[in-house]
């Protein structure tokens, strides 16, 4: 499995603040629901070990990323732990360079047009528009005007009620912690159902686009 699955499935589950004993049941539920990419944030206690655990358990059946990577040192650590892609809340050239050096895609955070184009120039395959909920869906449409080549992930405030809107506006993928919230409220069964709902939204929006 490679970075293509992030765009193909259109959903990355953000895992932040999870307890160690919850990790495998949660990601197994995501997998059953059809989600193929997860992001373990580095401000989660034990994140490095969790990334290694997920890689060992799921192998190539799940695409495991590291999120909230703030500097090159952390980027190197998560790569050593087995992270297959890296996400940052901000734009960092040094993090992108480490990812490029070791063949790990980096999705840096960006908020301005200047940051978006700079991320592309530095070699980012996808740019994380953050916080998407604050910027709104129209922002994605506006960015695609001058930068039609931009591959954008909507992150920050993305949930089941606005997922379709961000996709219609031009986001190619969604990063959301909404699925993890479902684990806390309804357990694995709720995660599976919510994951399928997200993927159905992605498929529906893409089918709409194919009609025009």
C-alpha atoms as a PDB file:
ATOM      1  CA  UNK A   1       0.000   0.000   0.000  1.00  0.00           C
ATOM      2  CA  UNK A   2       1.294   3.478  -0.832  1.00  0.00           C
ATOM      3  CA  UNK A   3       0.331   7.140  -0.642  1.00  0.00           C
ATOM      4  CA  UNK A   4      -2.161   6.738  -3.480  1.00  0.00           C
ATOM      5  CA  UNK A   5      -4.630   5.249  -0.991  1.00  0.00           C
ATOM      6  CA  UNK A   6      -4.893   8.628   0.786  1.00  0.00           C
ATOM      7  CA  UNK A   7      -6.397  10.130  -2.350  1.00  0.00           C
ATOM      8  CA  UNK A   8      -8.226   7.006  -3.534  1.00  0.00           C
ATOM      9  CA  UNK A   9     -10.166   6.427  -0.308  1.00  0.00           C
ATOM     10  CA  UNK A  10     -10.354  10.135   0.489  1.00  0.00           C
ATOM     11  CA  UNK A  11     -10.269   9.772   4.280  1.00  0.00           C
ATOM     12  CA  UNK A  12      -7.480   9.726   6.868  1.00  0.00           C
ATOM     13  CA  UNK A  13      -8.433   8.990  10.464  1.00  0.00           C
ATOM     14  CA  UNK A  14      -6.581  11.228  12.932  1.00  0.00           C
ATOM     15  CA  UNK A  15      -5.692   9.387  16.140  1.00  0.00           C
ATOM     16  CA  UNK A  16      -4.921  11.715  19.020  1.00  0.00           C
ATOM     17  CA  UNK A  17      -4.897  10.924  22.743  1.00  0.00           C
ATOM     18  CA  UNK A  18      -5.741   7.264  22.334  1.00  0.00           C
ATOM     19  CA  UNK A  19      -4.968   4.790  25.104  1.00  0.00           C
ATOM     20  CA  UNK A  20      -2.615   1.942  24.257  1.00  0.00           C
ATOM     21  CA  UNK A  21      -5.258  -0.738  24.804  1.00  0.00           C
ATOM     22  CA  UNK A  22      -7.669   1.048  22.458  1.00  0.00           C
ATOM     23  CA  UNK A  23      -5.285   1.263  19.512  1.00  0.00           C
ATOM     24  CA  UNK A  24      -5.598  -2.109  17.783  1.00  0.00           C
ATOM     25  CA  UNK A  25      -9.369  -2.499  18.332  1.00  0.00           C
ATOM     26  CA  UNK A  26      -9.915   0.992  16.938  1.00  0.00           C
ATOM     27  CA  UNK A  27      -7.736   0.611  13.847  1.00  0.00           C
ATOM     28  CA  UNK A  28      -9.162  -2.871  13.230  1.00  0.00           C
ATOM     29  CA  UNK A  29     -12.641  -1.331  13.232  1.00  0.00           C
ATOM     30  CA  UNK A  30     -11.472   1.334  10.783  1.00  0.00           C
ATOM     31  CA  UNK A  31     -10.110  -1.365   8.515  1.00  0.00           C
ATOM     32  CA  UNK A  32     -13.365  -3.295   8.648  1.00  0.00           C
ATOM     33  CA  UNK A  33     -15.196  -0.114   7.725  1.00  0.00           C
ATOM     34  CA  UNK A  34     -12.947   0.417   4.694  1.00  0.00           C
ATOM     35  CA  UNK A  35     -10.558   3.096   5.953  1.00  0.00           C
ATOM     36  CA  UNK A  36      -7.004   2.438   4.787  1.00  0.00           C
ATOM     37  CA  UNK A  37      -5.003   5.364   6.190  1.00  0.00           C
ATOM     38  CA  UNK A  38      -4.468   6.544   9.756  1.00  0.00           C
ATOM     39  CA  UNK A  39      -2.425   9.303  11.363  1.00  0.00           C
ATOM     40  CA  UNK A  40      -1.045   8.899  14.879  1.00  0.00           C
ATOM     41  CA  UNK A  41      -0.287  12.374  16.209  1.00  0.00           C
ATOM     42  CA  UNK A  42       3.092  12.819  17.868  1.00  0.00           C
ATOM     43  CA  UNK A  43       1.569  14.666  20.819  1.00  0.00           C
ATOM     44  CA  UNK A  44      -0.131  11.409  21.812  1.00  0.00           C
ATOM     45  CA  UNK A  45       1.768   9.723  24.671  1.00  0.00           C
ATOM     46  CA  UNK A  46       3.597   6.692  23.296  1.00  0.00           C
ATOM     47  CA  UNK A  47       3.018   7.728  19.666  1.00  0.00           C
ATOM     48  CA  UNK A  48       6.332   6.349  18.373  1.00  0.00           C
ATOM     49  CA  UNK A  49       5.645   2.923  19.866  1.00  0.00           C
ATOM     50  CA  UNK A  50       2.085   3.008  18.544  1.00  0.00           C
ATOM     51  CA  UNK A  51       3.313   3.624  15.003  1.00  0.00           C
ATOM     52  CA  UNK A  52       5.678   0.660  15.284  1.00  0.00           C
ATOM     53  CA  UNK A  53       2.897  -1.493  16.721  1.00  0.00           C
ATOM     54  CA  UNK A  54       0.517  -0.655  13.901  1.00  0.00           C
ATOM     55  CA  UNK A  55       3.125  -1.370  11.231  1.00  0.00           C
ATOM     56  CA  UNK A  56       3.983  -4.713  12.820  1.00  0.00           C
ATOM     57  CA  UNK A  57       0.348  -5.744  13.229  1.00  0.00           C
ATOM     58  CA  UNK A  58      -1.164  -4.577   9.944  1.00  0.00           C
ATOM     59  CA  UNK A  59       1.830  -4.764   7.616  1.00  0.00           C
ATOM     60  CA  UNK A  60       0.790  -3.429   4.235  1.00  0.00           C
ATOM     61  CA  UNK A  61      -2.911  -3.708   5.032  1.00  0.00           C
ATOM     62  CA  UNK A  62      -3.017  -0.227   6.579  1.00  0.00           C
ATOM     63  CA  UNK A  63      -1.164   2.956   5.577  1.00  0.00           C
ATOM     64  CA  UNK A  64       0.235   4.392   8.806  1.00  0.00           C
ATOM     65  CA  UNK A  65       1.248   8.021   9.123  1.00  0.00           C
ATOM     66  CA  UNK A  66       2.640  10.278  11.823  1.00  0.00           C
ATOM     67  CA  UNK A  67       0.908  13.579  12.503  1.00  0.00           C
ATOM     68  CA  UNK A  68       1.816  16.768  14.366  1.00  0.00           C
ATOM     69  CA  UNK A  69       5.424  16.387  13.227  1.00  0.00           C
ATOM     70  CA  UNK A  70       6.970  19.741  14.098  1.00  0.00           C
ATOM     71  CA  UNK A  71      10.662  19.357  13.254  1.00  0.00           C
ATOM     72  CA  UNK A  72      13.241  17.293  11.400  1.00  0.00           C
ATOM     73  CA  UNK A  73      14.254  15.361  14.527  1.00  0.00           C
ATOM     74  CA  UNK A  74      10.720  14.095  15.040  1.00  0.00           C
ATOM     75  CA  UNK A  75      10.420  13.351  11.334  1.00  0.00           C
ATOM     76  CA  UNK A  76      13.494  11.117  11.556  1.00  0.00           C
ATOM     77  CA  UNK A  77      12.139   9.347  14.641  1.00  0.00           C
ATOM     78  CA  UNK A  78       8.765   8.506  13.109  1.00  0.00           C
ATOM     79  CA  UNK A  79      10.380   7.289   9.918  1.00  0.00           C
ATOM     80  CA  UNK A  80      12.600   4.987  11.972  1.00  0.00           C
ATOM     81  CA  UNK A  81       9.470   3.732  13.734  1.00  0.00           C
ATOM     82  CA  UNK A  82       7.939   2.828  10.370  1.00  0.00           C
ATOM     83  CA  UNK A  83       5.723   5.797   9.516  1.00  0.00           C
ATOM     84  CA  UNK A  84       4.787   5.664   5.851  1.00  0.00           C
ATOM     85  CA  UNK A  85       3.814   9.314   5.548  1.00  0.00           C
ATOM     86  CA  UNK A  86       4.139  12.472   7.601  1.00  0.00           C
ATOM     87  CA  UNK A  87       1.741  15.317   8.374  1.00  0.00           C
ATOM     88  CA  UNK A  88       2.478  18.683   9.970  1.00  0.00           C
ATOM     89  CA  UNK A  89       0.184  21.466  11.185  1.00  0.00           C
ATOM     90  CA  UNK A  90       2.502  24.029   9.602  1.00  0.00           C
ATOM     91  CA  UNK A  91       4.851  24.431   6.648  1.00  0.00           C
ATOM     92  CA  UNK A  92       8.394  23.241   7.405  1.00  0.00           C
ATOM     93  CA  UNK A  93      10.987  22.892   4.693  1.00  0.00           C
ATOM     94  CA  UNK A  94      13.204  20.718   6.875  1.00  0.00           C
ATOM     95  CA  UNK A  95      10.415  18.223   7.548  1.00  0.00           C
ATOM     96  CA  UNK A  96       9.654  17.991   3.820  1.00  0.00           C
ATOM     97  CA  UNK A  97      13.361  17.512   3.075  1.00  0.00           C
ATOM     98  CA  UNK A  98      13.654  14.642   5.570  1.00  0.00           C
ATOM     99  CA  UNK A  99      10.571  13.002   4.089  1.00  0.00           C
ATOM    100  CA  UNK A 100      11.896  13.398   0.548  1.00  0.00           C
ATOM    101  CA  UNK A 101      15.295  12.027   1.566  1.00  0.00           C
ATOM    102  CA  UNK A 102      13.763   8.815   2.917  1.00  0.00           C
ATOM    103  CA  UNK A 103      10.983   8.497   0.382  1.00  0.00           C
ATOM    104  CA  UNK A 104       8.147   9.342   2.770  1.00  0.00           C
ATOM    105  CA  UNK A 105       5.416  11.662   1.478  1.00  0.00           C
ATOM    106  CA  UNK A 106       4.927  14.760   3.619  1.00  0.00           C
ATOM    107  CA  UNK A 107       1.607  16.600   3.898  1.00  0.00           C
ATOM    108  CA  UNK A 108       2.468  20.000   5.402  1.00  0.00           C
ATOM    109  CA  UNK A 109      -0.074  22.365   6.853  1.00  0.00           C
ATOM    110  CA  UNK A 110      -0.807  25.573   4.960  1.00  0.00           C
ATOM    111  CA  UNK A 111      -3.184  28.467   5.414  1.00  0.00           C
ATOM    112  CA  UNK A 112      -2.182  31.017   2.785  1.00  0.00           C
ATOM    113  CA  UNK A 113      -1.724  30.835  -0.992  1.00  0.00           C
ATOM    114  CA  UNK A 114       1.983  31.547  -0.502  1.00  0.00           C
ATOM    115  CA  UNK A 115       2.334  28.565   1.826  1.00  0.00           C
ATOM    116  CA  UNK A 116       0.415  26.316  -0.573  1.00  0.00           C
ATOM    117  CA  UNK A 117       2.636  27.074  -3.567  1.00  0.00           C
ATOM    118  CA  UNK A 118       5.807  26.961  -1.458  1.00  0.00           C
ATOM    119  CA  UNK A 119       4.872  23.484  -0.196  1.00  0.00           C
ATOM    120  CA  UNK A 120       4.426  22.330  -3.784  1.00  0.00           C
ATOM    121  CA  UNK A 121       7.787  23.842  -4.794  1.00  0.00           C
ATOM    122  CA  UNK A 122       9.519  22.025  -1.933  1.00  0.00           C
ATOM    123  CA  UNK A 123       8.105  18.710  -3.132  1.00  0.00           C
ATOM    124  CA  UNK A 124       4.946  18.101  -1.084  1.00  0.00           C
ATOM    125  CA  UNK A 125       2.613  15.738  -2.960  1.00  0.00           C
ATOM    126  CA  UNK A 126      -0.390  17.002  -1.009  1.00  0.00           C
ATOM    127  CA  UNK A 127      -1.023  20.072   1.130  1.00  0.00           C
ATOM    128  CA  UNK A 128      -3.044  20.042   4.328  1.00  0.00           C
ATOM    129  CA  UNK A 129      -5.320  23.081   4.452  1.00  0.00           C
ATOM    130  CA  UNK A 130      -5.581  23.828   8.155  1.00  0.00           C
ATOM    131  CA  UNK A 131      -7.763  24.819   9.888  1.00  0.00           C
ATOM    132  CA  UNK A 132     -10.256  23.984   7.161  1.00  0.00           C
ATOM    133  CA  UNK A 133     -13.296  24.605   9.352  1.00  0.00           C
ATOM    134  CA  UNK A 134     -12.210  28.199   9.912  1.00  0.00           C
ATOM    135  CA  UNK A 135     -11.224  28.885   6.303  1.00  0.00           C
ATOM    136  CA  UNK A 136     -14.398  27.345   4.868  1.00  0.00           C
ATOM    137  CA  UNK A 137     -15.172  25.478   1.678  1.00  0.00           C
ATOM    138  CA  UNK A 138     -15.002  28.528  -0.595  1.00  0.00           C
ATOM    139  CA  UNK A 139     -11.318  28.825   0.253  1.00  0.00           C
ATOM    140  CA  UNK A 140     -10.597  25.527  -1.520  1.00  0.00           C
ATOM    141  CA  UNK A 141     -12.346  26.742  -4.663  1.00  0.00           C
ATOM    142  CA  UNK A 142     -10.387  29.987  -4.551  1.00  0.00           C
ATOM    143  CA  UNK A 143      -7.033  28.218  -4.185  1.00  0.00           C
ATOM    144  CA  UNK A 144      -7.742  25.984  -7.176  1.00  0.00           C
ATOM    145  CA  UNK A 145      -8.194  29.079  -9.360  1.00  0.00           C
ATOM    146  CA  UNK A 146      -4.497  30.033  -9.534  1.00  0.00           C
ATOM    147  CA  UNK A 147      -3.199  26.632  -8.386  1.00  0.00           C
ATOM    148  CA  UNK A 148      -5.204  23.923 -10.186  1.00  0.00           C
ATOM    149  CA  UNK A 149      -2.342  21.487  -9.568  1.00  0.00           C
ATOM    150  CA  UNK A 150      -2.773  21.684  -5.790  1.00  0.00           C
ATOM    151  CA  UNK A 151      -3.765  18.407  -4.141  1.00  0.00           C
ATOM    152  CA  UNK A 152      -5.431  19.505  -0.902  1.00  0.00           C
ATOM    153  CA  UNK A 153      -6.474  17.670   2.247  1.00  0.00           C
ATOM    154  CA  UNK A 154      -9.080  19.358   4.457  1.00  0.00           C
ATOM    155  CA  UNK A 155      -8.157  19.112   8.139  1.00  0.00           C
ATOM    156  CA  UNK A 156      -9.540  20.843  11.220  1.00  0.00           C
ATOM    157  CA  UNK A 157     -13.245  20.862  11.883  1.00  0.00           C
ATOM    158  CA  UNK A 158     -14.084  18.190   9.297  1.00  0.00           C
ATOM    159  CA  UNK A 159     -17.029  16.000  10.257  1.00  0.00           C
ATOM    160  CA  UNK A 160     -19.757  13.886   8.722  1.00  0.00           C
ATOM    161  CA  UNK A 161     -22.029  16.879   8.147  1.00  0.00           C
ATOM    162  CA  UNK A 162     -19.561  18.954   6.116  1.00  0.00           C
ATOM    163  CA  UNK A 163     -17.413  16.243   4.502  1.00  0.00           C
ATOM    164  CA  UNK A 164     -19.275  16.367   1.193  1.00  0.00           C
ATOM    165  CA  UNK A 165     -18.987  20.166   1.054  1.00  0.00           C
ATOM    166  CA  UNK A 166     -15.200  20.086   1.354  1.00  0.00           C
ATOM    167  CA  UNK A 167     -14.940  17.399  -1.307  1.00  0.00           C
ATOM    168  CA  UNK A 168     -17.191  19.310  -3.679  1.00  0.00           C
ATOM    169  CA  UNK A 169     -15.071  22.403  -3.082  1.00  0.00           C
ATOM    170  CA  UNK A 170     -11.961  20.602  -4.293  1.00  0.00           C
ATOM    171  CA  UNK A 171     -10.414  18.710  -1.380  1.00  0.00           C
ATOM    172  CA  UNK A 172      -9.072  15.351  -2.574  1.00  0.00           C
ATOM    173  CA  UNK A 173      -8.915  13.914   0.939  1.00  0.00           C
ATOM    174  CA  UNK A 174     -10.232  14.566   4.433  1.00  0.00           C
ATOM    175  CA  UNK A 175      -8.350  14.316   7.709  1.00  0.00           C
ATOM    176  CA  UNK A 176     -10.740  13.869  10.603  1.00  0.00           C
ATOM    177  CA  UNK A 177     -10.806  12.883  14.272  1.00  0.00           C
ATOM    178  CA  UNK A 178     -14.554  12.312  13.999  1.00  0.00           C
ATOM    179  CA  UNK A 179     -14.070   8.556  13.648  1.00  0.00           C
ATOM    180  CA  UNK A 180     -12.123   8.350  16.884  1.00  0.00           C
ATOM    181  CA  UNK A 181     -14.889  10.246  18.648  1.00  0.00           C
ATOM    182  CA  UNK A 182     -17.261   7.544  17.385  1.00  0.00           C
ATOM    183  CA  UNK A 183     -15.133   4.930  19.176  1.00  0.00           C
ATOM    184  CA  UNK A 184     -15.567   6.737  22.468  1.00  0.00           C
ATOM    185  CA  UNK A 185     -19.322   7.114  22.062  1.00  0.00           C
ATOM    186  CA  UNK A 186     -20.353   3.852  20.405  1.00  0.00           C
ATOM    187  CA  UNK A 187     -17.427   1.449  20.297  1.00  0.00           C
ATOM    188  CA  UNK A 188     -16.152  -0.539  17.320  1.00  0.00           C
ATOM    189  CA  UNK A 189     -19.592  -1.024  15.816  1.00  0.00           C
ATOM    190  CA  UNK A 190     -20.105   2.735  15.603  1.00  0.00           C
ATOM    191  CA  UNK A 191     -16.648   3.216  14.073  1.00  0.00           C
ATOM    192  CA  UNK A 192     -17.377   0.675  11.350  1.00  0.00           C
ATOM    193  CA  UNK A 193     -20.706   2.310  10.521  1.00  0.00           C
ATOM    194  CA  UNK A 194     -19.242   5.834  10.523  1.00  0.00           C
ATOM    195  CA  UNK A 195     -16.289   4.786   8.362  1.00  0.00           C
ATOM    196  CA  UNK A 196     -18.633   3.310   5.772  1.00  0.00           C
ATOM    197  CA  UNK A 197     -20.682   6.508   5.860  1.00  0.00           C
ATOM    198  CA  UNK A 198     -17.614   8.626   5.116  1.00  0.00           C
ATOM    199  CA  UNK A 199     -16.551   6.409   2.235  1.00  0.00           C
ATOM    200  CA  UNK A 200     -20.060   6.486   0.806  1.00  0.00           C
ATOM    201  CA  UNK A 201     -19.933  10.287   0.873  1.00  0.00           C
ATOM    202  CA  UNK A 202     -16.606  10.262  -0.984  1.00  0.00           C
ATOM    203  CA  UNK A 203     -17.964   7.895  -3.618  1.00  0.00           C
ATOM    204  CA  UNK A 204     -21.183   9.873  -4.065  1.00  0.00           C
ATOM    205  CA  UNK A 205     -19.404  13.206  -4.521  1.00  0.00           C
ATOM    206  CA  UNK A 206     -16.963  11.734  -7.006  1.00  0.00           C
ATOM    207  CA  UNK A 207     -19.780  10.175  -8.987  1.00  0.00           C
ATOM    208  CA  UNK A 208     -21.471  13.568  -9.099  1.00  0.00           C
ATOM    209  CA  UNK A 209     -18.296  15.079 -10.533  1.00  0.00           C
ATOM    210  CA  UNK A 210     -18.035  12.358 -13.150  1.00  0.00           C
ATOM    211  CA  UNK A 211     -21.475  13.283 -14.484  1.00  0.00           C
ATOM    212  CA  UNK A 212     -20.342  16.763 -15.525  1.00  0.00           C
END
